[in-house]
Structures are given as structure tokens and as C-alpha cells.
């Protein structure tokens, strides 16, 4: 069967592939510890879930404006602006069924064939996929592991060209847990201003930074009018299955986004948006408490990984991922990930699931209990000692 060239590069996302294999092993009676999927292991907070249920009971189950219901857009403009220290209007906010449409649709709106998009490698695999489907040319830039996975600015400068149309930044980052330094953010902003290009700032993990707020590039001089902020509810409020994301962008682009949304997904479920409204306007104590739980898990996991011969791991500054270097073990990371799943019953991902520059690393999600993290570390220690 012949398919369009624009989708010829598409592959399954690595986390879902490993999750499927882990589920198959569980069906055979194996006990698997899941450190592969980037999903909080908490239920959606009760007041949010109840707001969604009440919205359904109230009949909020029909179509709504493609860019989102106005009460939610207004609340997001106020909340997102306050957290970043900028003034936003509802016309700059677009609501979507998950954050992925906010990654993908602006590229359809802005890229012409052959336009280049710089993105981090290792990085979230949807970046490269979306760039290519939109007709752009992906240009990966490595992260500096020795600097806590900050951007390699020399490599960035070397890859800038007259065709550069967009730069993607992600902080805190998936898969590394790294936070970009202020110097890196300012450098990207300077490049964007000088080259007159867009910046897509993936800030989905901004509320999961462990040592203070993360600088949004949109707050720097001249950047609000050329930045697309990508954010959502999945990570902060344990709402992965609700499919609720949002973007902040110039109003003119937001209008084009509403057209793309209406012709692709129609709109985001109304009752989901009312649940999101409850999340934004309601108490934030649970979200803050969960961040501290993730911090405790992080500290235990990193200490345990660094105690295994052949593994060393930087302390992640945000998100809920560890990205240990395993080069000393002398095995390809794809082989190691498969071995640890089959031999130890620990599901994790090879760094190559996030780009070629992840070839020396594994990714572990610590969205799991301390007890399971302890058990996974012990199983890994025993299995790796057999190599």
C-alpha cells in the first residue's frame, strides 16, 4: 500500500512500544515495575474530577468554540500570565485536546517546505515527527550532559542558517529532567530576534521544577510576539487521560490555530474544560504536595542509580525523569533496556527513543512509588551484575 511521503518517517513513540511489551509480559504472569511511561501515578485530584462529572450532569456535552470556552481561556490568561510575570489576554490562549496539537498545528501554520526547525536531541520524539509532517527540516542540537543537559550553545550557533524558521526549547526537559540556564534562554532569545524566527517553548513541566521558578523565554524583551508557549494539565494535575492542553501565542496566530483546530478535531470536550477550570481556580495545595513527593522519589532513585557500578546520573532539576549514563556497561542502550525488561522485570526506555544523542543513556520515570523504585533498583543491580 502506498502512503504519502509526509508520513514515511513516522514511528511509534518508544514509551508506548515498551508499555505494550510490558503489558504482554504481565499477561503471562510476570510482575513488571513500570518506569517507562511519563504519567503521574496519582488519580486526578477529587475536586477536579467532580467538576468534570458535574459538568456532564449539567449537560455540558456539546460542541463549543474551537479555541476553547471563554471562561477557561480567561482563567488561563490570568494564571499563566501571573506565573510568568507577563500580561496576557484570552485572545492569546488556545485550548486543545492535549498539548500535542499545540506542538503540531503551529508548525502547519508557520512552516513552508524546507524551513528548518532546531530542536533538542535528546528530546520529546513528537518534535521531530511534527516538523517533518509539517514539511519542515528537523535540525537537532545536542544537550550538554556535563552541564546538566543544558543547551550546547556552540552547536546551536553552528546549526543556525538562513532557513531557520523556529527553535524549540523544553525546560524542564523530557527525557533529561534538565532545566535550561538563564544564559541559554537569553542566547536563544537573541538568536530569535536577530534571525526573525519563532520560538516554541514547551513548558508542560514548568510546575514540576524543584528549586524555584523556571524562566519562560516569553518573558524576555521582544519575545512574547514570537513565542508559542506549550502547556497543559496532564502533568501538574494528573489529568493525562482528560486530554487538555493549551497554548499561549500572538493573537493573530491563535486565530489561525482556531481554524486548524475546527478542521482537525472540532473542539476540546466541554466537560473536560470545566474540569480544567476547576483545576486552575481551585486549591493548588495538592499540586504542590505532589511535587514534593516527586522530589523524594527523585532523590532516592538518583542515589540508587549512582550506587550501581557502571551507571552515573545527574540530579534532575525538574519533571519526573532520570537519564542515567550507562556507557561504561559497554552495551547498546536498546539491548540494555530489553534485557532489563526481560531479565529484571523493569520497564524503562533506551535513550535512543529520544534521538541519536541519547545513545549512551536510559530513561526512567519516577512516577511510581518509593517501594517500587527501591525494588526496581535492586532488580537492576542484580541483573546488571550478570552481564
Protein backbone atom coordinates (compact mmCIF):
# COMPACT_ATOMS: atom_id res chain seq x y z
CA UNK A 1 0.00 0.00 0.00
CA UNK A 2 1.36 3.43 -0.92
CA UNK A 3 1.32 6.24 1.65
CA UNK A 4 2.18 9.92 1.43
CA UNK A 5 5.84 10.81 1.77
CA UNK A 6 4.98 13.22 4.61
CA UNK A 7 4.29 10.31 6.98
CA UNK A 8 7.01 7.94 5.80
CA UNK A 9 9.24 8.82 8.75
CA UNK A 10 6.63 8.24 11.46
CA UNK A 11 7.36 5.56 14.04
CA UNK A 12 5.62 4.52 17.25
CA UNK A 13 6.57 6.52 20.32
CA UNK A 14 9.05 4.45 22.33
CA UNK A 15 7.20 4.66 25.64
CA UNK A 16 4.07 3.11 24.15
CA UNK A 17 6.07 0.32 22.49
CA UNK A 18 7.73 -0.66 25.75
CA UNK A 19 4.46 -0.30 27.66
CA UNK A 20 2.79 -2.72 25.24
CA UNK A 21 5.60 -5.24 25.67
CA UNK A 22 5.45 -4.86 29.46
CA UNK A 23 1.69 -5.42 29.45
CA UNK A 24 2.17 -8.55 27.35
CA UNK A 25 4.62 -9.91 29.93
CA UNK A 26 2.17 -9.09 32.71
CA UNK A 27 -0.48 -11.04 30.84
CA UNK A 28 1.88 -14.01 31.03
CA UNK A 29 2.06 -13.67 34.81
CA UNK A 30 5.25 -11.58 35.10
CA UNK A 31 5.47 -8.81 37.68
CA UNK A 32 6.67 -5.67 35.92
CA UNK A 33 7.72 -2.37 37.52
CA UNK A 34 6.71 0.46 35.20
CA UNK A 35 9.32 3.19 34.90
CA UNK A 36 8.76 3.72 31.17
CA UNK A 37 5.65 5.88 30.87
CA UNK A 38 5.56 9.59 31.65
CA UNK A 39 2.31 9.56 33.57
CA UNK A 40 1.71 10.63 37.18
CA UNK A 41 0.66 7.64 39.25
CA UNK A 42 -1.96 9.66 41.16
CA UNK A 43 -5.67 9.87 40.47
CA UNK A 44 -6.95 13.19 39.16
CA UNK A 45 -7.46 15.40 42.20
CA UNK A 46 -11.01 14.91 43.57
CA UNK A 47 -12.34 18.46 43.17
CA UNK A 48 -11.25 18.43 39.51
CA UNK A 49 -12.85 15.06 38.77
CA UNK A 50 -16.06 16.11 40.49
CA UNK A 51 -16.19 19.30 38.42
CA UNK A 52 -15.98 17.20 35.24
CA UNK A 53 -18.71 14.87 36.47
CA UNK A 54 -20.92 17.82 37.44
CA UNK A 55 -20.38 19.38 34.01
CA UNK A 56 -21.61 16.19 32.36
CA UNK A 57 -24.60 16.11 34.69
CA UNK A 58 -25.32 19.72 33.74
CA UNK A 59 -25.41 18.80 30.06
CA UNK A 60 -22.05 20.32 29.11
CA UNK A 61 -21.53 17.63 26.47
CA UNK A 62 -21.99 19.51 23.19
CA UNK A 63 -19.81 21.44 20.81
CA UNK A 64 -18.05 24.60 21.95
CA UNK A 65 -15.80 27.21 20.26
CA UNK A 66 -12.78 25.56 18.64
CA UNK A 67 -10.29 27.67 20.62
CA UNK A 68 -11.97 26.76 23.92
CA UNK A 69 -14.67 28.08 26.20
CA UNK A 70 -14.09 31.71 27.15
CA UNK A 71 -14.14 31.23 30.96
CA UNK A 72 -11.23 28.78 30.68
CA UNK A 73 -9.29 30.95 28.22
CA UNK A 74 -9.71 33.95 30.51
CA UNK A 75 -8.63 31.97 33.58
CA UNK A 76 -5.62 30.56 31.75
CA UNK A 77 -4.57 34.01 30.53
CA UNK A 78 -4.64 35.30 34.10
CA UNK A 79 -3.00 32.25 35.68
CA UNK A 80 -0.33 31.64 33.03
CA UNK A 81 0.48 35.35 32.90
CA UNK A 82 0.74 35.70 36.67
CA UNK A 83 3.01 32.69 36.99
CA UNK A 84 5.34 34.04 34.31
CA UNK A 85 5.12 37.70 35.19
CA UNK A 86 3.58 38.82 31.90
CA UNK A 87 0.25 40.29 30.86
CA UNK A 88 -1.89 38.04 28.66
CA UNK A 89 -5.37 38.22 27.17
CA UNK A 90 -7.81 35.42 26.45
CA UNK A 91 -7.32 36.06 22.72
CA UNK A 92 -3.75 34.82 23.09
CA UNK A 93 -4.84 31.48 24.60
CA UNK A 94 -5.90 28.41 22.63
CA UNK A 95 -7.28 25.26 24.27
CA UNK A 96 -6.72 21.85 22.63
CA UNK A 97 -7.31 18.15 23.33
CA UNK A 98 -3.88 17.65 24.89
CA UNK A 99 -0.64 19.58 24.41
CA UNK A 100 0.41 17.69 21.28
CA UNK A 101 -1.87 19.70 18.95
CA UNK A 102 -0.16 22.83 20.31
CA UNK A 103 3.15 21.33 19.22
CA UNK A 104 1.92 20.28 15.80
CA UNK A 105 -0.61 22.78 14.50
CA UNK A 106 1.52 25.94 14.82
CA UNK A 107 4.07 24.25 12.57
CA UNK A 108 1.37 23.75 9.94
CA UNK A 109 0.55 27.44 10.28
CA UNK A 110 4.12 28.73 10.08
CA UNK A 111 6.39 26.35 8.14
CA UNK A 112 6.95 26.29 4.41
CA UNK A 113 8.60 23.26 2.76
CA UNK A 114 12.29 23.23 3.57
CA UNK A 115 12.08 25.61 6.54
CA UNK A 116 14.41 24.44 9.28
CA UNK A 117 13.40 23.86 12.89
CA UNK A 118 16.03 23.48 15.58
CA UNK A 119 15.07 21.14 18.42
CA UNK A 120 16.84 19.44 21.37
CA UNK A 121 18.32 15.97 20.97
CA UNK A 122 17.69 14.04 23.16
CA UNK A 123 14.17 15.44 23.18
CA UNK A 124 10.49 14.58 23.05
CA UNK A 125 10.02 12.49 19.87
CA UNK A 126 6.93 14.39 18.74
CA UNK A 127 9.13 17.40 17.93
CA UNK A 128 10.89 15.68 15.03
CA UNK A 129 7.72 13.92 13.89
CA UNK A 130 5.69 17.14 13.78
CA UNK A 131 8.41 19.08 11.98
CA UNK A 132 8.58 16.55 9.18
CA UNK A 133 4.82 16.11 8.77
CA UNK A 134 4.52 19.90 8.52
CA UNK A 135 7.06 19.91 5.69
CA UNK A 136 9.95 21.33 7.68
CA UNK A 137 13.51 20.09 8.04
CA UNK A 138 14.49 18.87 11.54
CA UNK A 139 17.82 20.20 12.81
CA UNK A 140 18.81 18.51 16.09
CA UNK A 141 21.02 20.32 18.60
CA UNK A 142 22.70 18.28 21.35
CA UNK A 143 22.30 18.91 25.05
CA UNK A 144 25.42 19.11 27.22
CA UNK A 145 25.26 16.26 29.72
CA UNK A 146 28.21 17.66 31.66
CA UNK A 147 26.26 20.87 32.22
CA UNK A 148 23.13 19.14 33.46
CA UNK A 149 21.72 18.79 29.93
CA UNK A 150 21.80 22.49 29.17
CA UNK A 151 21.81 23.53 25.50
CA UNK A 152 25.11 23.23 23.65
CA UNK A 153 25.22 26.84 22.52
CA UNK A 154 28.18 26.38 20.18
CA UNK A 155 26.31 23.60 18.39
CA UNK A 156 23.19 25.78 18.29
CA UNK A 157 25.06 28.66 16.64
CA UNK A 158 26.66 26.29 14.15
CA UNK A 159 23.26 24.97 13.06
CA UNK A 160 21.55 28.33 12.56
CA UNK A 161 21.05 29.06 8.88
CA UNK A 162 19.08 31.43 6.63
CA UNK A 163 16.35 28.71 6.53
CA UNK A 164 15.91 28.61 10.32
CA UNK A 165 12.24 29.36 10.98
CA UNK A 166 11.74 28.05 14.51
CA UNK A 167 13.70 26.98 17.60
CA UNK A 168 12.15 24.55 20.10
CA UNK A 169 13.16 24.69 23.76
CA UNK A 170 11.91 22.44 26.54
CA UNK A 171 12.56 23.30 30.19
CA UNK A 172 12.26 21.34 32.42
CA UNK A 173 13.05 18.76 29.79
CA UNK A 174 11.90 15.32 28.77
CA UNK A 175 13.82 12.93 28.85
CA UNK A 176 16.60 14.54 30.89
CA UNK A 177 14.90 16.45 33.67
CA UNK A 178 17.30 19.30 32.90
CA UNK A 179 16.47 22.99 33.18
CA UNK A 180 17.95 25.43 30.69
CA UNK A 181 20.14 28.09 32.23
CA UNK A 182 19.21 31.76 32.10
CA UNK A 183 22.21 32.29 29.84
CA UNK A 184 20.94 29.69 27.36
CA UNK A 185 17.43 31.15 27.32
CA UNK A 186 18.82 34.64 26.71
CA UNK A 187 21.08 33.31 23.96
CA UNK A 188 18.16 31.65 22.16
CA UNK A 189 16.12 34.85 22.51
CA UNK A 190 18.92 36.90 20.98
CA UNK A 191 19.22 34.49 18.07
CA UNK A 192 15.45 34.55 17.52
CA UNK A 193 15.34 38.34 17.48
CA UNK A 194 18.34 38.67 15.20
CA UNK A 195 17.15 35.98 12.78
CA UNK A 196 13.47 36.92 12.99
CA UNK A 197 12.39 33.35 13.80
CA UNK A 198 9.84 31.78 16.11
CA UNK A 199 10.45 30.02 19.40
CA UNK A 200 8.27 27.16 20.59
CA UNK A 201 8.70 26.83 24.35
CA UNK A 202 7.47 23.52 25.73
CA UNK A 203 6.67 24.33 29.37
CA UNK A 204 4.49 21.34 30.21
CA UNK A 205 6.70 20.54 33.24
CA UNK A 206 7.10 24.14 34.47
CA UNK A 207 5.15 23.43 37.67
CA UNK A 208 7.46 20.47 38.40
CA UNK A 209 10.69 22.41 38.95
CA UNK A 210 12.30 21.59 42.28
CA UNK A 211 14.32 24.69 43.06
CA UNK A 212 12.31 27.76 42.16
CA UNK A 213 10.52 29.00 39.09
CA UNK A 214 11.71 28.34 35.55
CA UNK A 215 12.35 31.30 33.26
CA UNK A 216 9.95 31.39 30.33
CA UNK A 217 11.58 32.77 27.21
CA UNK A 218 8.34 34.65 26.51
CA UNK A 219 9.18 37.00 29.40
CA UNK A 220 12.36 38.32 27.76
CA UNK A 221 12.33 41.58 25.79
CA UNK A 222 10.75 41.26 22.36
CA UNK A 223 9.87 37.58 22.76
CA UNK A 224 6.17 37.48 23.60
CA UNK A 225 5.32 38.33 19.99
CA UNK A 226 7.42 35.47 18.59
CA UNK A 227 6.92 32.72 21.18
CA UNK A 228 4.46 29.83 21.34
CA UNK A 229 4.13 28.54 24.90
CA UNK A 230 3.02 24.90 25.06
CA UNK A 231 1.45 23.83 28.34
CA UNK A 232 -1.29 21.61 29.70
CA UNK A 233 -2.97 19.93 32.64
CA UNK A 234 -1.68 16.35 32.35
CA UNK A 235 1.44 16.53 34.50
CA UNK A 236 0.51 19.15 37.09
CA UNK A 237 -2.99 17.88 37.84
CA UNK A 238 -2.69 14.15 36.96
CA UNK A 239 -5.09 14.59 34.03
CA UNK A 240 -3.33 12.64 31.26
CA UNK A 241 -6.47 10.88 30.04
CA UNK A 242 -8.61 14.01 30.11
CA UNK A 243 -6.70 15.34 27.07
CA UNK A 244 -6.50 19.02 27.95
CA UNK A 245 -3.69 21.27 26.78
CA UNK A 246 -3.31 24.91 25.93
CA UNK A 247 -1.04 27.28 24.09
CA UNK A 248 -0.15 30.94 24.54
CA UNK A 249 0.80 32.82 21.37
CA UNK A 250 0.23 36.08 19.49
CA UNK A 251 -3.48 36.66 18.91
CA UNK A 252 -3.12 36.53 15.11
CA UNK A 253 -1.59 33.04 15.30
CA UNK A 254 -4.22 31.99 17.88
CA UNK A 255 -6.90 32.86 15.34
CA UNK A 256 -5.25 30.66 12.70
CA UNK A 257 -4.95 27.91 15.31
CA UNK A 258 -8.69 28.02 15.90
CA UNK A 259 -9.22 27.38 12.18
CA UNK A 260 -6.81 24.43 12.23
CA UNK A 261 -8.50 23.03 15.32
CA UNK A 262 -12.01 23.28 13.91
CA UNK A 263 -10.95 21.44 10.76
CA UNK A 264 -8.97 18.73 12.59
CA UNK A 265 -10.51 17.96 15.99
CA UNK A 266 -13.50 20.33 16.04
CA UNK A 267 -13.15 21.28 19.68
CA UNK A 268 -11.99 20.04 23.06
CA UNK A 269 -14.64 18.26 25.18
CA UNK A 270 -16.66 20.85 27.08
CA UNK A 271 -16.83 18.92 30.35
CA UNK A 272 -13.08 18.41 30.25
CA UNK A 273 -12.63 22.17 30.02
CA UNK A 274 -14.84 22.74 33.05
CA UNK A 275 -12.67 20.26 34.95
CA UNK A 276 -9.67 22.30 33.82
CA UNK A 277 -11.34 25.47 35.04
CA UNK A 278 -11.74 23.88 38.47
CA UNK A 279 -8.08 22.92 38.40
CA UNK A 280 -6.95 26.48 37.67
CA UNK A 281 -9.33 28.26 40.04
CA UNK A 282 -9.33 25.69 42.83
CA UNK A 283 -6.81 24.92 45.59
CA UNK A 284 -3.24 24.26 44.50
CA UNK A 285 -2.03 22.52 47.64
CA UNK A 286 -2.29 19.03 46.16
CA UNK A 287 -0.20 20.01 43.13
CA UNK A 288 2.45 21.47 45.43
CA UNK A 289 2.43 18.38 47.64
CA UNK A 290 2.83 16.06 44.66
CA UNK A 291 5.91 17.98 43.55
CA UNK A 292 7.49 17.27 46.92
CA UNK A 293 6.62 13.58 46.58
CA UNK A 294 8.38 13.56 43.21
CA UNK A 295 11.40 15.24 44.80
CA UNK A 296 11.68 12.48 47.39
CA UNK A 297 11.39 9.81 44.71
CA UNK A 298 13.98 11.60 42.58
CA UNK A 299 16.49 11.72 45.41
CA UNK A 300 16.11 8.02 46.17
CA UNK A 301 16.29 6.95 42.52
CA UNK A 302 19.36 9.01 41.67
CA UNK A 303 21.21 7.86 44.77
CA UNK A 304 20.37 4.26 43.91
CA UNK A 305 21.39 4.57 40.26
CA UNK A 306 24.71 6.15 41.19
CA UNK A 307 25.33 3.21 43.52
CA UNK A 308 25.17 0.69 40.64
CA UNK A 309 28.57 0.01 39.04
CA UNK A 310 28.79 1.39 35.51
CA UNK A 311 25.98 3.95 35.94
CA UNK A 312 26.20 7.63 36.75
CA UNK A 313 23.31 10.06 36.71
CA UNK A 314 22.90 13.82 37.05
CA UNK A 315 20.34 15.06 39.54
CA UNK A 316 17.28 16.15 37.51
CA UNK A 317 16.12 19.68 38.31
CA UNK A 318 12.55 19.20 37.09
CA UNK A 319 9.93 16.88 35.57
CA UNK A 320 9.96 13.25 36.80
CA UNK A 321 12.64 11.59 34.68
CA UNK A 322 16.15 10.33 35.28
CA UNK A 323 18.52 9.99 32.32
CA UNK A 324 21.49 7.97 33.57
CA UNK A 325 24.61 7.47 31.50
CA UNK A 326 25.34 3.73 31.06
CA UNK A 327 28.21 3.84 28.56
CA UNK A 328 30.56 2.09 31.00
CA UNK A 329 28.37 -1.01 30.82
CA UNK A 330 29.55 -1.46 27.23
CA UNK A 331 26.19 -2.50 25.76
CA UNK A 332 23.89 -0.67 23.31
CA UNK A 333 21.11 1.02 25.24
CA UNK A 334 18.38 -0.65 23.18
CA UNK A 335 19.83 -4.01 24.18
CA UNK A 336 20.12 -2.95 27.83
CA UNK A 337 16.54 -1.75 28.01
CA UNK A 338 15.28 -5.02 26.52
CA UNK A 339 17.48 -7.04 28.87
CA UNK A 340 16.26 -5.21 31.97
CA UNK A 341 12.64 -5.73 30.95
CA UNK A 342 13.02 -9.43 30.25
CA UNK A 343 15.55 -10.31 32.96
CA UNK A 344 14.64 -7.93 35.77
CA UNK A 345 11.03 -7.05 35.03
CA UNK A 346 11.87 -3.33 34.97
CA UNK A 347 10.31 -1.38 32.12
CA UNK A 348 12.36 1.65 31.08
CA UNK A 349 13.38 3.30 27.83
CA UNK A 350 16.57 3.46 25.79
CA UNK A 351 17.84 6.99 25.31
CA UNK A 352 17.69 6.47 21.57
CA UNK A 353 13.90 6.69 21.82
CA UNK A 354 14.57 10.42 22.16
CA UNK A 355 17.11 10.90 19.41
CA UNK A 356 20.57 9.78 18.35
CA UNK A 357 22.26 11.76 21.12
CA UNK A 358 20.61 9.53 23.71
CA UNK A 359 22.74 6.57 22.64
CA UNK A 360 24.61 6.42 25.96
CA UNK A 361 21.63 6.77 28.29
CA UNK A 362 18.49 5.14 29.64
CA UNK A 363 15.35 7.00 30.71
CA UNK A 364 13.49 6.11 33.87
CA UNK A 365 10.28 7.77 35.01
CA UNK A 366 9.98 8.07 38.77
CA UNK A 367 6.21 8.45 38.58
CA UNK A 368 5.99 5.36 40.75
CA UNK A 369 6.10 4.63 44.46
CA UNK A 370 9.26 4.68 46.60
CA UNK A 371 8.69 0.98 47.28
CA UNK A 372 8.63 0.13 43.59
CA UNK A 373 11.63 2.36 42.90
CA UNK A 374 13.59 0.53 45.62
CA UNK A 375 12.57 -2.84 44.18
CA UNK A 376 13.47 -1.76 40.64
CA UNK A 377 16.93 -0.60 41.76
CA UNK A 378 17.60 -3.91 43.46
CA UNK A 379 16.45 -5.90 40.44
CA UNK A 380 18.59 -3.75 38.15
CA UNK A 381 21.63 -4.19 40.38
CA UNK A 382 21.29 -7.98 40.34
CA UNK A 383 20.58 -8.21 36.60
CA UNK A 384 23.41 -5.89 35.56
CA UNK A 385 25.90 -7.79 37.73
CA UNK A 386 25.27 -10.81 35.45
CA UNK A 387 26.43 -9.03 32.30
